[in-house]
Amino acid sequence: MTFTQSILAFLAAASILTITPGLDTAMVLRTAATSGARPAWLAAIGIALGCLAWGVIVATGLGALLAASPLAFPIVQWTGAAYLVWTGARLLLKPRSAFADGTDQHARSGREALRMGFLTNMLNPKVGVFYIAFLPQFMPAGADVALTTLLLAAIHVALGLVWFAGIIAATVPFDRWLKTTLVIKTLDRLTGGVFIIFGVKLALFRQP
């Protein structure tokens, strides 16, 4: 494939993968609905930074070393699984009952969202394995592998941010309803369940 053909093919494939419901979408949707647009954007930025970090790791060849390591990969895998299950259990068992509307609460909520978005991706070696397996399929002939890998990862991140922008904007008309106690508790518990499911899946993940 030529460079242009590779990029167009990747755009099509990555767009479908981006809008497929998953952990990142659930996190941004829940944050936007129950905490507001700013924390939701910080969660999206955290997710993007995590993906970019994996893009750098894969581009420099460290991703392949991690995937092949009989020690490092399980450590990251089980740490990530434990983090997801712990976070999910906390949301499931202790959901919030109100929207924090103070300045200090907003700041804490934003920092927490950024941290959660970043760690959820960085502690998930499946993201690295995905990049290792997926990105080479769209590598143009004769291209610089490291630079093209970074470019494809950046495109994937950009598509994700566009998708998250749509999710965040879609919650605006329902802002007052989404801030009710019942909705906040329900969304926290649903998101907690999603985190636990993905944590268990990560723990059971076996490399191909």
C-alpha atoms as a PDB file:
ATOM      1  CA  MET A   1       0.000   0.000   0.000  1.00  0.00           C
ATOM      2  CA  THR A   2       1.045   3.587  -0.570  1.00  0.00           C
ATOM      3  CA  PHE A   3       1.276   5.984   2.367  1.00  0.00           C
ATOM      4  CA  THR A   4      -2.077   7.607   1.529  1.00  0.00           C
ATOM      5  CA  GLN A   5      -3.814   4.243   1.086  1.00  0.00           C
ATOM      6  CA  SER A   6      -2.429   3.037   4.417  1.00  0.00           C
ATOM      7  CA  ILE A   7      -3.622   6.112   6.288  1.00  0.00           C
ATOM      8  CA  LEU A   8      -7.113   5.951   4.730  1.00  0.00           C
ATOM      9  CA  ALA A   9      -7.409   2.245   5.508  1.00  0.00           C
ATOM     10  CA  PHE A  10      -6.292   2.866   9.090  1.00  0.00           C
ATOM     11  CA  LEU A  11      -8.759   5.747   9.482  1.00  0.00           C
ATOM     12  CA  ALA A  12     -11.621   3.472   8.445  1.00  0.00           C
ATOM     13  CA  ALA A  13     -10.598   0.585  10.701  1.00  0.00           C
ATOM     14  CA  ALA A  14      -9.692   2.758  13.693  1.00  0.00           C
ATOM     15  CA  SER A  15     -12.963   4.717  13.425  1.00  0.00           C
ATOM     16  CA  ILE A  16     -14.979   1.513  13.762  1.00  0.00           C
ATOM     17  CA  LEU A  17     -12.884   0.385  16.714  1.00  0.00           C
ATOM     18  CA  THR A  18     -13.189   3.812  18.374  1.00  0.00           C
ATOM     19  CA  ILE A  19     -16.993   3.854  18.415  1.00  0.00           C
ATOM     20  CA  THR A  20     -17.245   0.235  19.554  1.00  0.00           C
ATOM     21  CA  PRO A  21     -18.478   0.372  23.183  1.00  0.00           C
ATOM     22  CA  GLY A  22     -15.713  -0.299  25.655  1.00  0.00           C
ATOM     23  CA  LEU A  23     -14.111   0.738  28.921  1.00  0.00           C
ATOM     24  CA  ASP A  24     -12.944   4.176  27.744  1.00  0.00           C
ATOM     25  CA  THR A  25     -16.368   5.100  26.370  1.00  0.00           C
ATOM     26  CA  ALA A  26     -18.059   3.985  29.590  1.00  0.00           C
ATOM     27  CA  MET A  27     -15.637   6.062  31.662  1.00  0.00           C
ATOM     28  CA  VAL A  28     -16.095   9.277  29.675  1.00  0.00           C
ATOM     29  CA  LEU A  29     -19.872   8.859  29.488  1.00  0.00           C
ATOM     30  CA  ARG A  30     -20.193   8.279  33.222  1.00  0.00           C
ATOM     31  CA  THR A  31     -17.869  11.206  34.028  1.00  0.00           C
ATOM     32  CA  ALA A  32     -19.697  13.567  31.673  1.00  0.00           C
ATOM     33  CA  ALA A  33     -23.094  12.557  32.993  1.00  0.00           C
ATOM     34  CA  THR A  34     -22.323  12.717  36.693  1.00  0.00           C
ATOM     35  CA  SER A  35     -19.424  15.187  37.040  1.00  0.00           C
ATOM     36  CA  GLY A  36     -19.723  17.569  34.100  1.00  0.00           C
ATOM     37  CA  ALA A  37     -17.882  18.413  30.901  1.00  0.00           C
ATOM     38  CA  ARG A  38     -14.551  19.523  32.397  1.00  0.00           C
ATOM     39  CA  PRO A  39     -13.848  16.321  34.365  1.00  0.00           C
ATOM     40  CA  ALA A  40     -15.043  14.308  31.351  1.00  0.00           C
ATOM     41  CA  TRP A  41     -12.538  16.101  29.118  1.00  0.00           C
ATOM     42  CA  LEU A  42      -9.790  15.460  31.657  1.00  0.00           C
ATOM     43  CA  ALA A  43     -10.733  11.768  31.666  1.00  0.00           C
ATOM     44  CA  ALA A  44     -10.550  11.805  27.851  1.00  0.00           C
ATOM     45  CA  ILE A  45      -7.144  13.524  27.964  1.00  0.00           C
ATOM     46  CA  GLY A  46      -5.909  10.937  30.479  1.00  0.00           C
ATOM     47  CA  ILE A  47      -7.043   8.142  28.157  1.00  0.00           C
ATOM     48  CA  ALA A  48      -5.333   9.855  25.221  1.00  0.00           C
ATOM     49  CA  LEU A  49      -2.069  10.253  27.160  1.00  0.00           C
ATOM     50  CA  GLY A  50      -2.168   6.581  28.105  1.00  0.00           C
ATOM     51  CA  CYS A  51      -2.628   5.555  24.473  1.00  0.00           C
ATOM     52  CA  LEU A  52       0.137   7.886  23.329  1.00  0.00           C
ATOM     53  CA  ALA A  53       2.454   6.455  25.973  1.00  0.00           C
ATOM     54  CA  TRP A  54       1.783   2.946  24.655  1.00  0.00           C
ATOM     55  CA  GLY A  55       2.372   4.256  21.133  1.00  0.00           C
ATOM     56  CA  VAL A  56       5.825   5.488  22.186  1.00  0.00           C
ATOM     57  CA  ILE A  57       6.567   2.194  23.961  1.00  0.00           C
ATOM     58  CA  VAL A  58       5.618   0.176  20.877  1.00  0.00           C
ATOM     59  CA  ALA A  59       7.428   2.532  18.474  1.00  0.00           C
ATOM     60  CA  THR A  60      10.684   2.185  20.413  1.00  0.00           C
ATOM     61  CA  GLY A  61      10.447  -1.614  20.482  1.00  0.00           C
ATOM     62  CA  LEU A  62       9.834  -1.812  24.233  1.00  0.00           C
ATOM     63  CA  GLY A  63       6.294  -3.070  23.643  1.00  0.00           C
ATOM     64  CA  ALA A  64       7.565  -6.190  21.923  1.00  0.00           C
ATOM     65  CA  LEU A  65      10.012  -6.816  24.769  1.00  0.00           C
ATOM     66  CA  LEU A  66       7.218  -6.416  27.321  1.00  0.00           C
ATOM     67  CA  ALA A  67       4.891  -8.736  25.413  1.00  0.00           C
ATOM     68  CA  ALA A  68       7.629 -11.384  25.192  1.00  0.00           C
ATOM     69  CA  SER A  69       8.718 -11.113  28.820  1.00  0.00           C
ATOM     70  CA  PRO A  70       7.511 -13.986  31.032  1.00  0.00           C
ATOM     71  CA  LEU A  71       7.832 -11.718  34.078  1.00  0.00           C
ATOM     72  CA  ALA A  72       7.108  -8.104  33.078  1.00  0.00           C
ATOM     73  CA  PHE A  73       3.921  -8.782  31.110  1.00  0.00           C
ATOM     74  CA  PRO A  74       2.131 -10.702  33.916  1.00  0.00           C
ATOM     75  CA  ILE A  75       3.142  -8.013  36.435  1.00  0.00           C
ATOM     76  CA  VAL A  76       1.562  -5.247  34.347  1.00  0.00           C
ATOM     77  CA  GLN A  77      -1.400  -7.481  33.500  1.00  0.00           C
ATOM     78  CA  TRP A  78      -2.244  -8.376  37.092  1.00  0.00           C
ATOM     79  CA  THR A  79      -1.578  -4.853  38.365  1.00  0.00           C
ATOM     80  CA  GLY A  80      -3.974  -3.499  35.746  1.00  0.00           C
ATOM     81  CA  ALA A  81      -6.592  -6.159  36.493  1.00  0.00           C
ATOM     82  CA  ALA A  82      -6.403  -5.448  40.224  1.00  0.00           C
ATOM     83  CA  TYR A  83      -6.723  -1.701  39.608  1.00  0.00           C
ATOM     84  CA  LEU A  84      -9.802  -2.135  37.414  1.00  0.00           C
ATOM     85  CA  VAL A  85     -11.517  -4.519  39.825  1.00  0.00           C
ATOM     86  CA  TRP A  86     -10.697  -2.316  42.824  1.00  0.00           C
ATOM     87  CA  THR A  87     -11.966   0.827  41.068  1.00  0.00           C
ATOM     88  CA  GLY A  88     -15.078  -0.996  39.864  1.00  0.00           C
ATOM     89  CA  ALA A  89     -15.831  -2.395  43.315  1.00  0.00           C
ATOM     90  CA  ARG A  90     -15.513   1.070  44.827  1.00  0.00           C
ATOM     91  CA  LEU A  91     -17.994   2.521  42.318  1.00  0.00           C
ATOM     92  CA  LEU A  92     -20.325  -0.430  42.707  1.00  0.00           C
ATOM     93  CA  LEU A  93     -20.378  -0.560  46.496  1.00  0.00           C
ATOM     94  CA  LYS A  94     -20.020   3.141  47.298  1.00  0.00           C
ATOM     95  CA  PRO A  95     -21.699   5.126  44.507  1.00  0.00           C
ATOM     96  CA  ARG A  96     -22.009   8.852  44.926  1.00  0.00           C
ATOM     97  CA  SER A  97     -25.391  10.290  45.806  1.00  0.00           C
ATOM     98  CA  ALA A  98     -24.863  13.883  44.668  1.00  0.00           C
ATOM     99  CA  PHE A  99     -23.010  16.000  42.150  1.00  0.00           C
ATOM    100  CA  ALA A 100     -20.158  17.931  43.796  1.00  0.00           C
ATOM    101  CA  ASP A 101     -20.562  21.534  42.645  1.00  0.00           C
ATOM    102  CA  GLY A 102     -17.925  23.350  44.697  1.00  0.00           C
ATOM    103  CA  THR A 103     -14.644  24.625  43.263  1.00  0.00           C
ATOM    104  CA  ASP A 104     -12.490  22.330  45.399  1.00  0.00           C
ATOM    105  CA  GLN A 105     -14.677  19.344  44.583  1.00  0.00           C
ATOM    106  CA  HIS A 106     -14.437  20.173  40.874  1.00  0.00           C
ATOM    107  CA  ALA A 107     -10.652  20.297  41.097  1.00  0.00           C
ATOM    108  CA  ARG A 108     -10.478  16.962  42.899  1.00  0.00           C
ATOM    109  CA  SER A 109     -12.963  15.431  40.482  1.00  0.00           C
ATOM    110  CA  GLY A 110     -10.920  16.650  37.512  1.00  0.00           C
ATOM    111  CA  ARG A 111      -7.644  15.319  38.886  1.00  0.00           C
ATOM    112  CA  GLU A 112      -9.256  11.984  39.701  1.00  0.00           C
ATOM    113  CA  ALA A 113     -10.740  11.724  36.208  1.00  0.00           C
ATOM    114  CA  LEU A 114      -7.373  12.501  34.572  1.00  0.00           C
ATOM    115  CA  ARG A 115      -5.580   9.973  36.768  1.00  0.00           C
ATOM    116  CA  MET A 116      -8.195   7.282  36.222  1.00  0.00           C
ATOM    117  CA  GLY A 117      -8.174   7.750  32.445  1.00  0.00           C
ATOM    118  CA  PHE A 118      -4.389   7.549  32.271  1.00  0.00           C
ATOM    119  CA  LEU A 119      -3.921   4.606  34.627  1.00  0.00           C
ATOM    120  CA  THR A 120      -6.742   2.596  33.070  1.00  0.00           C
ATOM    121  CA  ASN A 121      -4.827   2.556  29.788  1.00  0.00           C
ATOM    122  CA  MET A 122      -1.248   2.462  31.078  1.00  0.00           C
ATOM    123  CA  LEU A 123      -1.946  -0.519  33.359  1.00  0.00           C
ATOM    124  CA  ASN A 124      -3.616  -2.436  30.535  1.00  0.00           C
ATOM    125  CA  PRO A 125      -0.972  -4.307  28.504  1.00  0.00           C
ATOM    126  CA  LYS A 126      -3.708  -5.328  26.066  1.00  0.00           C
ATOM    127  CA  VAL A 127      -3.444  -1.798  24.641  1.00  0.00           C
ATOM    128  CA  GLY A 128       0.233  -2.412  23.907  1.00  0.00           C
ATOM    129  CA  VAL A 129      -0.475  -5.863  22.467  1.00  0.00           C
ATOM    130  CA  PHE A 130      -3.228  -4.324  20.333  1.00  0.00           C
ATOM    131  CA  TYR A 131      -0.825  -1.735  18.911  1.00  0.00           C
ATOM    132  CA  ILE A 132       1.848  -4.376  18.291  1.00  0.00           C
ATOM    133  CA  ALA A 133      -0.612  -6.609  16.403  1.00  0.00           C
ATOM    134  CA  PHE A 134      -2.799  -3.979  14.724  1.00  0.00           C
ATOM    135  CA  LEU A 135      -0.590  -1.107  13.593  1.00  0.00           C
ATOM    136  CA  PRO A 136       1.882  -3.111  11.432  1.00  0.00           C
ATOM    137  CA  GLN A 137      -1.006  -4.106   9.154  1.00  0.00           C
ATOM    138  CA  PHE A 138      -1.170  -0.476   7.974  1.00  0.00           C
ATOM    139  CA  MET A 139       2.563   0.121   7.607  1.00  0.00           C
ATOM    140  CA  PRO A 140       3.366   1.525   4.122  1.00  0.00           C
ATOM    141  CA  ALA A 141       6.193  -0.131   2.212  1.00  0.00           C
ATOM    142  CA  GLY A 142       9.539   1.468   2.982  1.00  0.00           C
ATOM    143  CA  ALA A 143       8.166   3.688   5.764  1.00  0.00           C
ATOM    144  CA  ASP A 144      10.064   4.516   8.935  1.00  0.00           C
ATOM    145  CA  VAL A 145       8.476   2.047  11.360  1.00  0.00           C
ATOM    146  CA  ALA A 146       8.933   4.091  14.541  1.00  0.00           C
ATOM    147  CA  LEU A 147       7.651   7.378  13.093  1.00  0.00           C
ATOM    148  CA  THR A 148       4.737   5.726  11.294  1.00  0.00           C
ATOM    149  CA  THR A 149       3.762   3.843  14.447  1.00  0.00           C
ATOM    150  CA  LEU A 150       3.683   7.128  16.359  1.00  0.00           C
ATOM    151  CA  LEU A 151       1.620   8.724  13.571  1.00  0.00           C
ATOM    152  CA  LEU A 152      -0.930   5.907  13.579  1.00  0.00           C
ATOM    153  CA  ALA A 153      -1.154   6.002  17.366  1.00  0.00           C
ATOM    154  CA  ALA A 154      -1.697   9.775  17.220  1.00  0.00           C
ATOM    155  CA  ILE A 155      -4.459   9.317  14.627  1.00  0.00           C
ATOM    156  CA  HIS A 156      -6.110   6.718  16.862  1.00  0.00           C
ATOM    157  CA  VAL A 157      -5.946   9.142  19.792  1.00  0.00           C
ATOM    158  CA  ALA A 158      -7.362  12.008  17.685  1.00  0.00           C
ATOM    159  CA  LEU A 159     -10.299   9.842  16.587  1.00  0.00           C
ATOM    160  CA  GLY A 160     -10.910   8.938  20.213  1.00  0.00           C
ATOM    161  CA  LEU A 161     -10.973  12.586  21.278  1.00  0.00           C
ATOM    162  CA  VAL A 162     -13.481  13.412  18.521  1.00  0.00           C
ATOM    163  CA  TRP A 163     -15.673  10.518  19.697  1.00  0.00           C
ATOM    164  CA  PHE A 164     -15.392  11.644  23.326  1.00  0.00           C
ATOM    165  CA  ALA A 165     -16.308  15.197  22.298  1.00  0.00           C
ATOM    166  CA  GLY A 166     -19.529  13.849  20.803  1.00  0.00           C
ATOM    167  CA  ILE A 167     -20.308  11.867  23.949  1.00  0.00           C
ATOM    168  CA  ILE A 168     -19.690  14.866  26.193  1.00  0.00           C
ATOM    169  CA  ALA A 169     -21.779  17.176  23.999  1.00  0.00           C
ATOM    170  CA  ALA A 170     -24.633  14.655  23.944  1.00  0.00           C
ATOM    171  CA  THR A 171     -24.969  14.828  27.737  1.00  0.00           C
ATOM    172  CA  VAL A 172     -25.453  18.629  27.829  1.00  0.00           C
ATOM    173  CA  PRO A 173     -29.229  18.694  27.056  1.00  0.00           C
ATOM    174  CA  PHE A 174     -29.839  16.194  29.864  1.00  0.00           C
ATOM    175  CA  ASP A 175     -27.547  17.859  32.400  1.00  0.00           C
ATOM    176  CA  ARG A 176     -30.129  18.510  35.141  1.00  0.00           C
ATOM    177  CA  TRP A 177     -31.710  15.069  34.873  1.00  0.00           C
ATOM    178  CA  LEU A 178     -28.319  13.358  34.873  1.00  0.00           C
ATOM    179  CA  LYS A 179     -27.396  15.086  38.141  1.00  0.00           C
ATOM    180  CA  THR A 180     -30.231  13.459  40.112  1.00  0.00           C
ATOM    181  CA  THR A 181     -29.291  11.091  42.923  1.00  0.00           C
ATOM    182  CA  LEU A 182     -30.864   8.036  41.273  1.00  0.00           C
ATOM    183  CA  VAL A 183     -29.067   8.583  37.959  1.00  0.00           C
ATOM    184  CA  ILE A 184     -25.698   9.301  39.606  1.00  0.00           C
ATOM    185  CA  LYS A 185     -25.883   6.143  41.730  1.00  0.00           C
ATOM    186  CA  THR A 186     -27.072   4.054  38.786  1.00  0.00           C
ATOM    187  CA  LEU A 187     -24.318   5.278  36.452  1.00  0.00           C
ATOM    188  CA  ASP A 188     -21.648   4.787  39.118  1.00  0.00           C
ATOM    189  CA  ARG A 189     -22.814   1.217  39.710  1.00  0.00           C
ATOM    190  CA  LEU A 190     -23.100   0.400  36.008  1.00  0.00           C
ATOM    191  CA  THR A 191     -19.629   1.791  35.367  1.00  0.00           C
ATOM    192  CA  GLY A 192     -18.308  -0.123  38.355  1.00  0.00           C
ATOM    193  CA  GLY A 193     -19.725  -3.314  36.873  1.00  0.00           C
ATOM    194  CA  VAL A 194     -18.086  -2.544  33.511  1.00  0.00           C
ATOM    195  CA  PHE A 195     -14.725  -1.973  35.232  1.00  0.00           C
ATOM    196  CA  ILE A 196     -14.975  -5.285  37.084  1.00  0.00           C
ATOM    197  CA  ILE A 197     -15.883  -7.168  33.894  1.00  0.00           C
ATOM    198  CA  PHE A 198     -12.931  -5.676  32.022  1.00  0.00           C
ATOM    199  CA  GLY A 199     -10.657  -6.329  34.996  1.00  0.00           C
ATOM    200  CA  VAL A 200     -11.615  -9.992  35.009  1.00  0.00           C
ATOM    201  CA  LYS A 201     -11.170 -10.188  31.231  1.00  0.00           C
ATOM    202  CA  LEU A 202      -7.718  -8.642  31.571  1.00  0.00           C
ATOM    203  CA  ALA A 203      -6.772 -11.139  34.290  1.00  0.00           C
ATOM    204  CA  LEU A 204      -7.874 -14.030  32.052  1.00  0.00           C
ATOM    205  CA  PHE A 205      -6.224 -12.590  28.929  1.00  0.00           C
ATOM    206  CA  ARG A 206      -3.709 -14.880  27.261  1.00  0.00           C
ATOM    207  CA  GLN A 207      -1.438 -13.628  24.523  1.00  0.00           C
ATOM    208  CA  PRO A 208      -1.974 -15.179  21.083  1.00  0.00           C
END
